[in-house]
């Protein structure tokens, strides 16, 4: 009888384990890819040749009918002067080098696009827009309580922005530069952790193949089209990866086919 009970218990245990494994497998099959879990319907995709590349291609995608659709043709953009590095955004923690202040790296990963800015009083976009004045700075000073934030010196005080190399009116402070005439805030390092990288934007370029200090830059007509296309109701995100990394992440993150 003891032997019979033992066999019965083993059989029952095997049945239970089989059921649990089947249930786990069924759940695994229904795990949402990362982008779908973020409820993203607009995606700005930037893909470079490798981690060290200073140029890339940008393409817009929209999500409908349960799949990604290309919006228009890809076009060239410039990246950081030393390529790409992982940033702090909406993606899981990755192995490899992460961006730090002053390293000249643009940010890799998935990021929210929250707002826009520029020199003009208003912009042709549905995104929140903030016109910049001579008093606006983005704080890139390590240790500053305002680190990685766009602030108005007339409100926070001139001493608070001392040392910042990011005046938002570069036409006024940097010899007529127009690169911040129109731009989009990329939400890298949303907790504003000092030294982890600050003031990451999509902005106008100095010209083809001229790298940035850590942003993504493009020609003005492409920026105009991007601003007009972005819709905050569709939770737009920005994604940047080297091509090999993109292929590795494509299924798990739910990335569109290139």
Protein backbone atom coordinates (compact mmCIF):
# COMPACT_ATOMS: atom_id res chain seq x y z
CA UNK A 1 0.00 0.00 0.00
CA UNK A 2 2.85 2.37 0.84
CA UNK A 3 4.39 1.69 -2.57
CA UNK A 4 1.07 2.32 -4.31
CA UNK A 5 0.61 5.61 -2.45
CA UNK A 6 4.16 6.66 -3.35
CA UNK A 7 3.56 5.96 -7.03
CA UNK A 8 0.26 7.81 -6.85
CA UNK A 9 1.98 10.83 -5.28
CA UNK A 10 4.74 10.84 -7.93
CA UNK A 11 2.17 10.63 -10.72
CA UNK A 12 0.18 13.48 -9.21
CA UNK A 13 3.31 15.59 -8.81
CA UNK A 14 4.27 15.01 -12.46
CA UNK A 15 0.81 16.01 -13.61
CA UNK A 16 0.95 19.16 -11.49
CA UNK A 17 4.41 20.10 -12.82
CA UNK A 18 3.29 19.52 -16.39
CA UNK A 19 0.27 21.75 -15.84
CA UNK A 20 2.41 24.50 -14.31
CA UNK A 21 4.93 24.36 -17.17
CA UNK A 22 2.12 24.50 -19.72
CA UNK A 23 0.60 27.51 -17.96
CA UNK A 24 3.99 29.28 -17.87
CA UNK A 25 4.54 28.57 -21.55
CA UNK A 26 1.09 29.93 -22.38
CA UNK A 27 1.82 33.10 -20.40
CA UNK A 28 5.21 33.51 -22.11
CA UNK A 29 3.55 33.35 -25.51
CA UNK A 30 1.33 36.29 -24.55
CA UNK A 31 4.01 38.60 -23.12
CA UNK A 32 3.68 41.94 -24.91
CA UNK A 33 6.71 43.31 -26.73
CA UNK A 34 8.17 46.36 -25.02
CA UNK A 35 6.82 49.00 -27.41
CA UNK A 36 3.29 47.60 -27.31
CA UNK A 37 3.36 47.62 -23.51
CA UNK A 38 4.21 51.34 -23.72
CA UNK A 39 1.08 52.01 -25.80
CA UNK A 40 3.19 53.68 -28.48
CA UNK A 41 1.56 54.54 -31.81
CA UNK A 42 4.27 56.78 -33.26
CA UNK A 43 7.91 55.78 -33.40
CA UNK A 44 10.93 57.78 -34.54
CA UNK A 45 13.55 55.16 -35.44
CA UNK A 46 17.24 56.06 -35.77
CA UNK A 47 19.63 53.31 -36.87
CA UNK A 48 23.40 53.67 -37.28
CA UNK A 49 25.95 51.29 -38.77
CA UNK A 50 27.64 50.65 -35.41
CA UNK A 51 28.20 52.09 -31.92
CA UNK A 52 30.93 54.46 -33.14
CA UNK A 53 29.10 55.88 -36.17
CA UNK A 54 28.40 59.61 -36.11
CA UNK A 55 25.66 59.46 -38.76
CA UNK A 56 22.48 57.41 -39.06
CA UNK A 57 19.15 57.16 -40.88
CA UNK A 58 15.86 58.32 -39.35
CA UNK A 59 12.51 56.84 -40.31
CA UNK A 60 9.00 57.45 -38.96
CA UNK A 61 6.53 54.64 -38.23
CA UNK A 62 2.88 54.52 -37.10
CA UNK A 63 1.08 51.64 -35.38
CA UNK A 64 -2.30 50.64 -36.72
CA UNK A 65 -4.06 47.40 -37.62
CA UNK A 66 -1.74 45.66 -35.14
CA UNK A 67 1.45 46.41 -37.04
CA UNK A 68 4.00 49.13 -37.80
CA UNK A 69 3.67 51.07 -41.04
CA UNK A 70 6.34 53.27 -42.66
CA UNK A 71 5.27 56.91 -42.83
CA UNK A 72 7.82 58.16 -45.35
CA UNK A 73 11.35 57.60 -46.62
CA UNK A 74 14.33 57.42 -44.28
CA UNK A 75 16.65 60.42 -44.23
CA UNK A 76 20.14 61.14 -42.86
CA UNK A 77 20.79 62.53 -39.38
CA UNK A 78 23.89 63.26 -37.35
CA UNK A 79 24.70 61.68 -33.97
CA UNK A 80 27.24 62.42 -31.24
CA UNK A 81 30.88 62.99 -32.14
CA UNK A 82 31.79 59.66 -30.50
CA UNK A 83 28.72 57.68 -31.61
CA UNK A 84 26.09 56.06 -29.40
CA UNK A 85 25.89 54.84 -25.81
CA UNK A 86 23.02 53.44 -23.76
CA UNK A 87 20.89 56.14 -22.17
CA UNK A 88 18.40 56.18 -19.31
CA UNK A 89 14.92 55.86 -20.77
CA UNK A 90 11.99 53.46 -21.14
CA UNK A 91 14.01 50.34 -22.00
CA UNK A 92 15.25 47.74 -19.49
CA UNK A 93 18.75 48.06 -18.04
CA UNK A 94 21.34 46.92 -20.60
CA UNK A 95 24.88 45.63 -20.41
CA UNK A 96 27.51 47.87 -21.93
CA UNK A 97 28.63 51.48 -21.76
CA UNK A 98 26.14 54.10 -20.54
CA UNK A 99 26.28 57.77 -21.43
CA UNK A 100 27.94 60.20 -19.02
CA UNK A 101 28.18 63.98 -19.14
CA UNK A 102 30.59 65.29 -21.75
CA UNK A 103 31.39 61.98 -23.48
CA UNK A 104 30.07 63.12 -26.86
CA UNK A 105 27.70 60.15 -27.12
CA UNK A 106 24.14 60.30 -28.41
CA UNK A 107 21.73 58.11 -26.47
CA UNK A 108 20.71 54.58 -27.51
CA UNK A 109 17.47 52.97 -26.34
CA UNK A 110 13.80 53.98 -26.20
CA UNK A 111 12.79 57.41 -24.94
CA UNK A 112 9.67 59.50 -24.55
CA UNK A 113 9.27 62.64 -26.66
CA UNK A 114 7.54 65.09 -24.36
CA UNK A 115 7.85 68.63 -25.68
CA UNK A 116 9.31 70.96 -28.30
CA UNK A 117 11.09 74.31 -28.26
CA UNK A 118 12.49 76.97 -30.53
CA UNK A 119 13.29 80.58 -31.25
CA UNK A 120 9.89 81.42 -32.74
CA UNK A 121 6.83 82.50 -30.73
CA UNK A 122 4.97 79.39 -31.89
CA UNK A 123 5.54 76.26 -33.95
CA UNK A 124 3.45 74.18 -36.34
CA UNK A 125 3.07 71.18 -34.07
CA UNK A 126 0.49 69.59 -31.77
CA UNK A 127 3.21 68.87 -29.22
CA UNK A 128 3.67 71.16 -26.21
CA UNK A 129 5.89 74.03 -27.37
CA UNK A 130 8.02 76.47 -25.38
CA UNK A 131 9.53 79.53 -27.07
CA UNK A 132 13.05 80.18 -25.81
CA UNK A 133 14.36 83.56 -24.65
CA UNK A 134 17.86 84.84 -23.93
CA UNK A 135 17.28 83.80 -20.31
CA UNK A 136 16.67 80.11 -21.01
CA UNK A 137 19.43 77.60 -20.29
CA UNK A 138 19.57 73.82 -20.12
CA UNK A 139 21.67 72.88 -17.12
CA UNK A 140 24.61 70.61 -17.91
CA UNK A 141 26.61 71.42 -14.77
CA UNK A 142 27.31 68.29 -12.70
CA UNK A 143 26.03 68.64 -9.15
CA UNK A 144 23.56 71.38 -9.98
CA UNK A 145 20.10 70.91 -8.40
CA UNK A 146 18.76 72.03 -11.81
CA UNK A 147 20.76 69.42 -13.75
CA UNK A 148 19.16 68.30 -17.04
CA UNK A 149 16.39 70.90 -16.81
CA UNK A 150 15.57 73.89 -19.03
CA UNK A 151 15.32 76.90 -16.72
CA UNK A 152 14.75 80.63 -16.97
CA UNK A 153 17.57 82.68 -15.41
CA UNK A 154 15.15 85.51 -14.71
CA UNK A 155 13.33 83.10 -12.36
CA UNK A 156 16.09 80.90 -10.87
CA UNK A 157 18.73 83.64 -10.86
CA UNK A 158 21.87 84.17 -12.92
CA UNK A 159 24.07 82.45 -10.34
CA UNK A 160 22.00 79.26 -10.71
CA UNK A 161 22.86 78.95 -14.41
CA UNK A 162 26.54 79.88 -14.04
CA UNK A 163 28.77 77.47 -15.93
CA UNK A 164 26.07 76.11 -18.25
CA UNK A 165 27.27 75.62 -21.82
CA UNK A 166 23.69 75.23 -23.08
CA UNK A 167 22.02 78.60 -23.65
CA UNK A 168 18.82 77.80 -25.51
CA UNK A 169 19.10 80.94 -27.65
CA UNK A 170 22.34 80.07 -29.36
CA UNK A 171 21.64 82.73 -31.96
CA UNK A 172 22.08 85.30 -29.20
CA UNK A 173 24.81 83.69 -27.08
CA UNK A 174 26.77 81.66 -29.66
CA UNK A 175 27.36 83.88 -32.66
CA UNK A 176 24.09 83.45 -34.50
CA UNK A 177 23.86 79.65 -34.34
CA UNK A 178 20.50 78.36 -35.56
CA UNK A 179 20.70 74.73 -34.40
CA UNK A 180 18.15 75.31 -31.58
CA UNK A 181 15.81 77.33 -33.77
CA UNK A 182 13.53 74.27 -33.77
CA UNK A 183 13.91 71.25 -31.53
CA UNK A 184 12.36 68.37 -29.64
CA UNK A 185 13.16 67.34 -26.07
CA UNK A 186 14.24 63.70 -25.75
CA UNK A 187 13.47 62.46 -22.24
CA UNK A 188 16.86 60.95 -21.41
CA UNK A 189 17.72 60.71 -17.71
CA UNK A 190 14.21 61.73 -16.55
CA UNK A 191 15.26 61.56 -12.89
CA UNK A 192 17.94 64.20 -13.63
CA UNK A 193 20.78 62.16 -12.12
CA UNK A 194 23.94 64.25 -12.10
CA UNK A 195 26.75 63.15 -14.45
CA UNK A 196 24.47 60.72 -16.34
CA UNK A 197 24.00 63.04 -19.34
CA UNK A 198 21.87 66.12 -19.89
CA UNK A 199 20.10 68.26 -22.48
CA UNK A 200 19.52 65.62 -25.14
CA UNK A 201 17.52 66.99 -28.07
CA UNK A 202 16.56 66.49 -31.67
CA UNK A 203 17.59 69.76 -33.32
CA UNK A 204 18.73 71.35 -36.57
CA UNK A 205 22.13 70.44 -37.94
CA UNK A 206 25.15 72.52 -38.87
CA UNK A 207 25.29 70.46 -42.04
CA UNK A 208 25.50 66.90 -43.39
CA UNK A 209 27.90 64.63 -41.47
CA UNK A 210 28.70 67.26 -38.85
CA UNK A 211 28.41 65.42 -35.51
CA UNK A 212 26.77 66.79 -32.37
CA UNK A 213 27.79 66.91 -28.72
CA UNK A 214 25.29 64.11 -27.98
CA UNK A 215 22.04 64.92 -29.76
CA UNK A 216 20.38 63.92 -33.04
CA UNK A 217 20.44 66.65 -35.70
CA UNK A 218 18.78 67.04 -39.10
CA UNK A 219 18.05 69.58 -41.83
CA UNK A 220 15.25 72.06 -41.20
CA UNK A 221 12.63 70.75 -43.70
CA UNK A 222 12.88 67.30 -42.10
CA UNK A 223 12.45 68.84 -38.65
CA UNK A 224 9.39 70.77 -39.88
CA UNK A 225 7.80 67.55 -41.16
CA UNK A 226 8.63 65.73 -37.92
CA UNK A 227 7.13 68.47 -35.75
CA UNK A 228 3.95 68.54 -37.84
CA UNK A 229 3.62 64.73 -37.66
CA UNK A 230 4.11 64.19 -33.93
CA UNK A 231 0.87 63.71 -32.00
CA UNK A 232 0.99 63.63 -28.18
CA UNK A 233 -2.21 61.54 -28.11
CA UNK A 234 -0.25 58.76 -29.87
CA UNK A 235 2.51 58.67 -27.21
CA UNK A 236 5.42 59.24 -29.59
CA UNK A 237 8.74 57.62 -28.73
CA UNK A 238 12.27 57.86 -30.05
CA UNK A 239 14.41 54.78 -30.57
CA UNK A 240 18.09 54.73 -31.53
CA UNK A 241 20.27 51.64 -31.95
CA UNK A 242 23.16 50.38 -34.06
CA UNK A 243 21.94 48.01 -36.76
CA UNK A 244 23.22 44.77 -35.14
CA UNK A 245 21.63 45.70 -31.81
CA UNK A 246 18.38 46.58 -33.58
CA UNK A 247 18.20 43.11 -35.10
CA UNK A 248 18.81 41.49 -31.70
CA UNK A 249 16.07 43.54 -30.04
CA UNK A 250 13.53 43.49 -32.87
CA UNK A 251 11.27 40.69 -31.64
CA UNK A 252 11.56 41.27 -27.89
CA UNK A 253 10.95 45.02 -28.18
CA UNK A 254 8.38 44.78 -30.99
CA UNK A 255 10.41 46.92 -33.40
CA UNK A 256 9.27 47.50 -37.00
CA UNK A 257 10.98 45.74 -39.88
CA UNK A 258 13.45 48.02 -41.62
